[in-house]
Amino acid sequence: MAFDYKKEYKEFYLPKNKPSIVDVPRMNYVAVRGKGDPNAADGDYQRAMSILYAVSFTIKMSYKGDHRIDGYFEYVVPPLEGFWWQDGVEGINYADKSGFNWVSAIRLPEFVAPDEFKWAIGEVERKKGIDCSKAEFLTVDEGLCVQMMHLGSYDDEPASVALMDAYAKESGYVLDLSDTRRHHEIYLSDPRRCAADKLKTVIRHPIRKV
């Protein structure tokens, strides 16, 4: 059976719909940075999706070709994630999506080293004709965070964020958003196939002890 990160690491991917504190270990990602409204048709965000999934599935299916990756194991491609911020704004202003800065990412299995990542980039560009110049091998050491499962529309996230912020404060923590620690979302539902009120999104904020 293929290894499924969501099932094996439920504390990071399947939290309850109430806030909790979690210590997130270092993880590697294939990532693309951009700016602007993620809903814009044929925008940078949509192009980033093409890159992320093409690279992720090239690595996943590598065992069927001639290239052999040391330590490879069959796995389910992890869910899409996003790190978000807006210049001059503390937290997130959901009413101004055009002002979003984002790093969209998909987790890489532990066996993917930088040289294997470069191989996958080359394969995608050669076989699919997709420009992967914006793809990067990103390591994130997230550390201590408050998180919860948000159920519903992305536009309704402020209510869950308020719960998280209050819980962190009551537990003796303060938010620690910075240039290296961002508002983080993990998307467990496909908005193209799921009603807005049924979307499942893990929301995560970095914190530190008072």
Protein backbone atom coordinates (compact mmCIF):
# COMPACT_ATOMS: atom_id res chain seq x y z
CA MET A 1 0.00 0.00 0.00
CA ALA A 2 1.30 3.45 -0.93
CA PHE A 3 2.54 5.63 1.93
CA ASP A 4 0.03 8.43 2.65
CA TYR A 5 1.43 11.40 4.56
CA LYS A 6 -2.05 12.56 5.57
CA LYS A 7 -2.80 9.24 7.29
CA GLU A 8 0.66 8.67 8.75
CA TYR A 9 1.00 12.20 10.13
CA LYS A 10 -2.56 13.06 11.13
CA GLU A 11 -1.38 15.64 13.66
CA PHE A 12 -0.12 17.79 10.77
CA TYR A 13 -2.77 17.13 8.13
CA LEU A 14 -5.98 16.13 9.91
CA PRO A 15 -6.37 18.30 13.03
CA LYS A 16 -9.76 18.78 14.68
CA ASN A 17 -11.92 21.79 13.89
CA LYS A 18 -10.78 23.50 17.05
CA PRO A 19 -7.38 25.07 17.78
CA SER A 20 -4.40 23.08 19.02
CA ILE A 21 -0.65 23.59 19.44
CA VAL A 22 1.71 21.57 17.25
CA ASP A 23 5.48 21.43 16.74
CA VAL A 24 6.06 21.00 13.01
CA PRO A 25 9.34 19.37 11.90
CA ARG A 26 11.48 20.45 8.97
CA MET A 27 10.03 19.47 5.57
CA ASN A 28 11.15 19.81 1.96
CA TYR A 29 8.87 21.06 -0.81
CA VAL A 30 8.70 21.77 -4.49
CA ALA A 31 7.62 25.40 -4.42
CA VAL A 32 6.75 28.33 -6.67
CA ARG A 33 6.59 31.96 -5.53
CA GLY A 34 4.23 34.54 -6.94
CA LYS A 35 1.94 37.48 -6.35
CA GLY A 36 -1.68 38.31 -7.12
CA ASP A 37 -5.20 36.95 -6.96
CA PRO A 38 -5.12 33.11 -6.94
CA ASN A 39 -8.54 33.08 -8.60
CA ALA A 40 -7.38 34.99 -11.69
CA ALA A 41 -7.94 32.91 -14.81
CA ASP A 42 -4.65 31.99 -16.46
CA GLY A 43 -2.80 33.93 -13.75
CA ASP A 44 0.52 33.18 -12.11
CA TYR A 45 -1.14 31.02 -9.46
CA GLN A 46 -2.71 28.72 -12.05
CA ARG A 47 0.61 28.38 -13.87
CA ALA A 48 2.27 27.54 -10.55
CA MET A 49 -0.20 24.69 -10.08
CA SER A 50 0.83 23.18 -13.41
CA ILE A 51 4.49 23.23 -12.37
CA LEU A 52 3.93 21.83 -8.88
CA TYR A 53 1.80 18.89 -9.95
CA ALA A 54 3.93 18.06 -12.98
CA VAL A 55 7.09 17.87 -10.87
CA SER A 56 5.36 15.99 -8.04
CA PHE A 57 3.90 13.31 -10.30
CA THR A 58 7.13 12.96 -12.28
CA ILE A 59 8.87 12.03 -9.03
CA LYS A 60 6.02 9.77 -7.92
CA MET A 61 6.00 7.83 -11.20
CA SER A 62 9.78 7.69 -11.60
CA TYR A 63 9.87 4.03 -10.59
CA LYS A 64 8.10 3.12 -13.83
CA GLY A 65 10.94 4.48 -15.96
CA ASP A 66 14.65 3.93 -16.23
CA HIS A 67 15.62 6.47 -13.57
CA ARG A 68 16.06 4.98 -10.11
CA ILE A 69 15.94 7.15 -6.98
CA ASP A 70 17.80 5.77 -3.99
CA GLY A 71 15.42 5.04 -1.11
CA TYR A 72 12.30 5.43 -3.26
CA PHE A 73 8.99 4.16 -1.85
CA GLU A 74 5.52 4.35 -3.36
CA TYR A 75 3.46 7.17 -1.91
CA VAL A 76 0.41 9.35 -2.36
CA VAL A 77 1.30 12.87 -3.52
CA PRO A 78 0.73 15.12 -0.48
CA PRO A 79 -1.84 17.93 -0.60
CA LEU A 80 -1.23 21.39 -1.99
CA GLU A 81 -0.08 23.96 0.58
CA GLY A 82 0.31 27.71 0.58
CA PHE A 83 2.22 30.31 2.57
CA TRP A 84 0.55 33.72 2.32
CA TRP A 85 1.25 37.35 3.23
CA GLN A 86 0.53 40.93 2.14
CA ASP A 87 2.96 43.80 2.22
CA GLY A 88 2.20 46.22 5.04
CA VAL A 89 -0.59 44.05 6.44
CA GLU A 90 -0.44 42.13 9.73
CA GLY A 91 -2.18 38.83 9.16
CA ILE A 92 -4.34 38.55 6.00
CA ASN A 93 -6.80 40.94 4.38
CA TYR A 94 -9.15 38.56 2.57
CA ALA A 95 -10.93 41.43 0.81
CA ASP A 96 -7.81 42.31 -1.20
CA LYS A 97 -6.76 39.14 -3.00
CA SER A 98 -4.80 41.10 -5.61
CA GLY A 99 -2.34 42.05 -2.87
CA PHE A 100 -1.46 38.48 -1.96
CA ASN A 101 2.13 37.28 -1.98
CA TRP A 102 2.30 33.50 -1.94
CA VAL A 103 4.53 30.48 -1.96
CA SER A 104 2.60 27.50 -3.27
CA ALA A 105 4.12 24.15 -2.44
CA ILE A 106 3.75 20.38 -2.35
CA ARG A 107 5.72 18.32 0.14
CA LEU A 108 8.51 16.14 -1.21
CA PRO A 109 9.24 12.67 0.18
CA GLU A 110 12.38 12.37 2.28
CA PHE A 111 14.24 10.48 -0.45
CA VAL A 112 14.14 13.48 -2.81
CA ALA A 113 17.52 15.21 -2.63
CA PRO A 114 18.35 18.39 -4.59
CA ASP A 115 19.98 16.42 -7.42
CA GLU A 116 16.86 14.25 -7.84
CA PHE A 117 14.76 17.40 -7.80
CA LYS A 118 16.84 18.81 -10.65
CA TRP A 119 16.34 15.56 -12.58
CA ALA A 120 12.56 15.89 -12.19
CA ILE A 121 12.63 19.51 -13.35
CA GLY A 122 14.54 18.46 -16.45
CA GLU A 123 12.08 15.67 -17.19
CA VAL A 124 9.06 18.00 -16.93
CA GLU A 125 10.63 20.58 -19.20
CA ARG A 126 11.74 17.97 -21.74
CA LYS A 127 8.62 15.82 -21.84
CA LYS A 128 5.83 18.31 -21.07
CA GLY A 129 7.31 21.55 -22.34
CA ILE A 130 6.51 23.33 -19.08
CA ASP A 131 8.85 26.14 -18.04
CA CYS A 132 9.98 25.20 -14.52
CA SER A 133 12.42 28.07 -14.02
CA LYS A 134 10.33 29.32 -11.06
CA ALA A 135 10.32 25.95 -9.27
CA GLU A 136 12.56 25.67 -6.23
CA PHE A 137 13.59 23.06 -3.70
CA LEU A 138 12.35 24.70 -0.51
CA THR A 139 13.09 23.64 3.06
CA VAL A 140 10.72 24.93 5.75
CA ASP A 141 11.42 24.53 9.47
CA GLU A 142 8.07 25.71 10.78
CA GLY A 143 8.42 24.86 14.45
CA LEU A 144 5.81 25.78 17.05
CA CYS A 145 2.39 26.69 15.62
CA VAL A 146 -1.29 26.96 16.42
CA GLN A 147 -3.55 25.25 13.89
CA MET A 148 -7.05 23.97 13.25
CA MET A 149 -9.21 22.48 10.52
CA HIS A 150 -11.29 25.18 8.86
CA LEU A 151 -14.57 23.93 7.40
CA GLY A 152 -16.13 26.12 4.75
CA SER A 153 -15.28 28.85 2.29
CA TYR A 154 -11.82 30.40 2.16
CA ASP A 155 -13.51 33.79 2.62
CA ASP A 156 -14.82 32.61 6.00
CA GLU A 157 -11.34 31.81 7.34
CA PRO A 158 -11.14 34.95 9.55
CA ALA A 159 -13.53 33.34 12.05
CA SER A 160 -11.22 30.32 12.45
CA VAL A 161 -8.15 32.54 12.59
CA ALA A 162 -9.76 34.52 15.42
CA LEU A 163 -10.33 31.28 17.35
CA MET A 164 -6.72 30.26 16.81
CA ASP A 165 -5.35 33.62 17.91
CA ALA A 166 -7.48 33.61 21.06
CA TYR A 167 -6.48 30.04 21.92
CA ALA A 168 -2.79 30.80 21.46
CA LYS A 169 -3.06 33.84 23.75
CA GLU A 170 -4.94 31.88 26.42
CA SER A 171 -2.26 29.16 26.25
CA GLY A 172 0.57 31.60 26.89
CA TYR A 173 1.74 32.21 23.31
CA VAL A 174 1.88 35.14 20.92
CA LEU A 175 1.79 35.11 17.14
CA ASP A 176 5.22 35.04 15.52
CA LEU A 177 4.48 35.98 11.91
CA SER A 178 7.61 37.22 10.13
CA ASP A 179 9.48 37.21 6.83
CA THR A 180 10.33 33.54 7.42
CA ARG A 181 7.20 32.38 9.30
CA ARG A 182 3.98 32.85 7.36
CA HIS A 183 0.24 32.27 7.44
CA HIS A 184 0.05 28.66 6.23
CA GLU A 185 -2.80 26.74 4.61
CA ILE A 186 -3.07 23.07 3.59
CA TYR A 187 -5.82 22.25 1.10
CA LEU A 188 -7.54 18.93 1.65
CA SER A 189 -10.40 19.60 -0.79
CA ASP A 190 -10.52 20.41 -4.48
CA PRO A 191 -12.63 23.60 -4.85
CA ARG A 192 -13.49 22.55 -8.41
CA ARG A 193 -15.26 19.44 -7.11
CA CYS A 194 -16.39 20.46 -3.63
CA ALA A 195 -19.09 22.86 -2.46
CA ALA A 196 -17.63 25.93 -0.73
CA ASP A 197 -19.33 25.14 2.58
CA LYS A 198 -17.70 21.68 2.65
CA LEU A 199 -14.09 22.68 1.91
CA LYS A 200 -11.50 21.41 4.39
CA THR A 201 -8.43 23.58 4.94
CA VAL A 202 -5.79 23.30 7.65
CA ILE A 203 -4.87 26.80 8.84
CA ARG A 204 -1.60 27.24 10.71
CA HIS A 205 0.07 30.23 12.36
CA PRO A 206 3.57 30.38 13.88
CA ILE A 207 3.71 31.20 17.57
CA ARG A 208 6.21 31.60 20.38
CA LYS A 209 6.05 31.53 24.16
CA VAL A 210 5.39 34.85 25.86
